[in-house]
Amino acid sequence: MDMEHKEAGALKNEIKKELKLIYKANMEASGWDIPERNDEEMSKLILEAMQNALDELKKEV
């Protein structure tokens, strides 16, 4: 296995943790702005926004 794959494997868990933190932070912040929000719908919208950002990043690199 080459060094890039080893490094990517090591980063996998860290990236997963960071994505969860981003998701949770946005869910929490949306609760401040929309106290009566539908959690399931907000979750879908946040995950969609995160996926769109990842898709755009893929196109850039």
N, C-alpha and C. Protein backbone atom coordinates (compact mmCIF):
# COMPACT_ATOMS: atom_id res chain seq x y z
N MET A 1 0.85 -1.19 0.00
CA MET A 1 0.00 0.00 0.00
C MET A 1 0.89 1.24 0.00
N ASP A 2 0.57 2.19 -0.86
CA ASP A 2 1.40 3.38 -0.94
C ASP A 2 1.06 4.35 0.20
N MET A 3 1.92 5.33 0.36
CA MET A 3 1.79 6.28 1.49
C MET A 3 0.47 7.06 1.44
N GLU A 4 0.01 7.42 0.24
CA GLU A 4 -1.24 8.18 0.14
C GLU A 4 -2.41 7.38 0.71
N HIS A 5 -2.47 6.09 0.38
CA HIS A 5 -3.56 5.26 0.89
C HIS A 5 -3.46 5.05 2.40
N LYS A 6 -2.27 4.92 2.90
CA LYS A 6 -2.09 4.78 4.35
C LYS A 6 -2.55 6.04 5.07
N GLU A 7 -2.15 7.18 4.54
CA GLU A 7 -2.53 8.46 5.15
C GLU A 7 -4.04 8.67 5.07
N ALA A 8 -4.63 8.36 3.92
CA ALA A 8 -6.08 8.51 3.76
C ALA A 8 -6.83 7.62 4.74
N GLY A 9 -6.32 6.42 4.94
CA GLY A 9 -6.95 5.52 5.91
C GLY A 9 -6.90 6.09 7.32
N ALA A 10 -5.78 6.68 7.66
CA ALA A 10 -5.62 7.28 8.98
C ALA A 10 -6.54 8.49 9.16
N LEU A 11 -6.76 9.22 8.09
CA LEU A 11 -7.61 10.41 8.16
C LEU A 11 -9.10 10.10 8.14
N LYS A 12 -9.46 8.90 7.71
CA LYS A 12 -10.87 8.55 7.54
C LYS A 12 -11.69 8.80 8.79
N ASN A 13 -11.24 8.31 9.94
CA ASN A 13 -11.98 8.50 11.18
C ASN A 13 -12.03 9.96 11.60
N GLU A 14 -10.93 10.67 11.39
CA GLU A 14 -10.90 12.09 11.75
C GLU A 14 -11.89 12.88 10.89
N ILE A 15 -11.94 12.59 9.62
CA ILE A 15 -12.88 13.27 8.71
C ILE A 15 -14.31 12.97 9.12
N LYS A 16 -14.59 11.73 9.47
CA LYS A 16 -15.93 11.33 9.90
C LYS A 16 -16.33 12.11 11.15
N LYS A 17 -15.43 12.23 12.12
CA LYS A 17 -15.71 12.99 13.34
C LYS A 17 -16.00 14.46 13.02
N GLU A 18 -15.19 15.03 12.13
CA GLU A 18 -15.36 16.44 11.78
C GLU A 18 -16.69 16.68 11.07
N LEU A 19 -17.08 15.76 10.19
CA LEU A 19 -18.37 15.90 9.51
C LEU A 19 -19.53 15.83 10.50
N LYS A 20 -19.43 14.93 11.47
CA LYS A 20 -20.47 14.84 12.50
C LYS A 20 -20.56 16.14 13.30
N LEU A 21 -19.40 16.73 13.61
CA LEU A 21 -19.40 17.99 14.34
C LEU A 21 -20.06 19.11 13.54
N ILE A 22 -19.77 19.16 12.25
CA ILE A 22 -20.39 20.17 11.37
C ILE A 22 -21.90 19.98 11.34
N TYR A 23 -22.32 18.73 11.17
CA TYR A 23 -23.75 18.43 11.13
C TYR A 23 -24.43 18.84 12.44
N LYS A 24 -23.86 18.42 13.56
CA LYS A 24 -24.46 18.72 14.87
C LYS A 24 -24.49 20.22 15.14
N ALA A 25 -23.44 20.92 14.76
CA ALA A 25 -23.40 22.37 14.96
C ALA A 25 -24.50 23.06 14.17
N ASN A 26 -24.71 22.61 12.94
CA ASN A 26 -25.76 23.21 12.12
C ASN A 26 -27.15 22.86 12.62
N MET A 27 -27.34 21.65 13.11
CA MET A 27 -28.63 21.29 13.69
C MET A 27 -28.92 22.15 14.92
N GLU A 28 -27.90 22.33 15.75
CA GLU A 28 -28.06 23.14 16.95
C GLU A 28 -28.37 24.60 16.59
N ALA A 29 -27.61 25.15 15.66
CA ALA A 29 -27.81 26.54 15.27
C ALA A 29 -29.18 26.75 14.64
N SER A 30 -29.65 25.80 13.87
CA SER A 30 -30.97 25.96 13.25
C SER A 30 -32.07 25.94 14.31
N GLY A 31 -31.82 25.28 15.42
CA GLY A 31 -32.79 25.27 16.51
C GLY A 31 -32.94 26.63 17.16
N TRP A 32 -31.89 27.41 17.12
CA TRP A 32 -31.97 28.77 17.67
C TRP A 32 -32.84 29.65 16.78
N ASP A 33 -32.70 29.47 15.47
CA ASP A 33 -33.42 30.30 14.51
C ASP A 33 -34.86 29.84 14.29
N ILE A 34 -35.07 28.53 14.40
CA ILE A 34 -36.39 27.96 14.12
C ILE A 34 -36.77 27.03 15.28
N PRO A 35 -37.26 27.57 16.38
CA PRO A 35 -37.54 26.75 17.56
C PRO A 35 -38.55 25.64 17.29
N GLU A 36 -39.49 25.86 16.37
CA GLU A 36 -40.53 24.87 16.09
C GLU A 36 -40.20 24.00 14.88
N ARG A 37 -38.93 23.91 14.53
CA ARG A 37 -38.51 23.21 13.32
C ARG A 37 -38.85 21.72 13.36
N ASN A 38 -38.96 21.15 12.17
CA ASN A 38 -39.14 19.72 11.98
C ASN A 38 -37.73 19.13 11.89
N ASP A 39 -37.31 18.41 12.92
CA ASP A 39 -35.94 17.90 12.98
C ASP A 39 -35.58 17.01 11.79
N GLU A 40 -36.51 16.16 11.39
CA GLU A 40 -36.23 15.27 10.27
C GLU A 40 -36.00 16.05 8.97
N GLU A 41 -36.84 17.03 8.73
CA GLU A 41 -36.70 17.85 7.51
C GLU A 41 -35.42 18.67 7.55
N MET A 42 -35.12 19.26 8.72
CA MET A 42 -33.91 20.06 8.85
C MET A 42 -32.68 19.19 8.65
N SER A 43 -32.71 17.99 9.18
CA SER A 43 -31.59 17.07 9.02
C SER A 43 -31.36 16.78 7.54
N LYS A 44 -32.43 16.50 6.81
CA LYS A 44 -32.32 16.23 5.37
C LYS A 44 -31.72 17.43 4.64
N LEU A 45 -32.17 18.62 4.99
CA LEU A 45 -31.67 19.83 4.31
C LEU A 45 -30.19 20.08 4.60
N ILE A 46 -29.78 19.86 5.84
CA ILE A 46 -28.38 20.05 6.21
C ILE A 46 -27.50 19.03 5.49
N LEU A 47 -27.93 17.76 5.50
CA LEU A 47 -27.16 16.72 4.82
C LEU A 47 -27.08 16.98 3.32
N GLU A 48 -28.15 17.48 2.74
CA GLU A 48 -28.15 17.82 1.31
C GLU A 48 -27.15 18.94 1.03
N ALA A 49 -27.13 19.95 1.89
CA ALA A 49 -26.19 21.05 1.72
C ALA A 49 -24.74 20.57 1.86
N MET A 50 -24.51 19.67 2.80
CA MET A 50 -23.16 19.13 2.99
C MET A 50 -22.75 18.31 1.76
N GLN A 51 -23.68 17.50 1.23
CA GLN A 51 -23.38 16.69 0.04
C GLN A 51 -23.09 17.58 -1.16
N ASN A 52 -23.89 18.65 -1.32
CA ASN A 52 -23.65 19.59 -2.42
C ASN A 52 -22.27 20.22 -2.32
N ALA A 53 -21.88 20.58 -1.11
CA ALA A 53 -20.55 21.16 -0.91
C ALA A 53 -19.46 20.16 -1.26
N LEU A 54 -19.64 18.90 -0.88
CA LEU A 54 -18.66 17.86 -1.24
C LEU A 54 -18.60 17.65 -2.74
N ASP A 55 -19.76 17.65 -3.38
CA ASP A 55 -19.79 17.49 -4.84
C ASP A 55 -19.07 18.63 -5.55
N GLU A 56 -19.27 19.85 -5.07
CA GLU A 56 -18.57 21.01 -5.64
C GLU A 56 -17.07 20.90 -5.44
N LEU A 57 -16.67 20.46 -4.26
CA LEU A 57 -15.24 20.30 -3.96
C LEU A 57 -14.61 19.26 -4.88
N LYS A 58 -15.33 18.17 -5.13
CA LYS A 58 -14.82 17.14 -6.05
C LYS A 58 -14.56 17.71 -7.43
N LYS A 59 -15.43 18.59 -7.88
CA LYS A 59 -15.27 19.20 -9.20
C LYS A 59 -14.06 20.14 -9.24
N GLU A 60 -13.77 20.78 -8.11
CA GLU A 60 -12.66 21.74 -8.04
C GLU A 60 -11.30 21.09 -8.02
N VAL A 61 -11.20 19.87 -7.46
CA VAL A 61 -9.88 19.23 -7.33
C VAL A 61 -9.62 18.20 -8.37
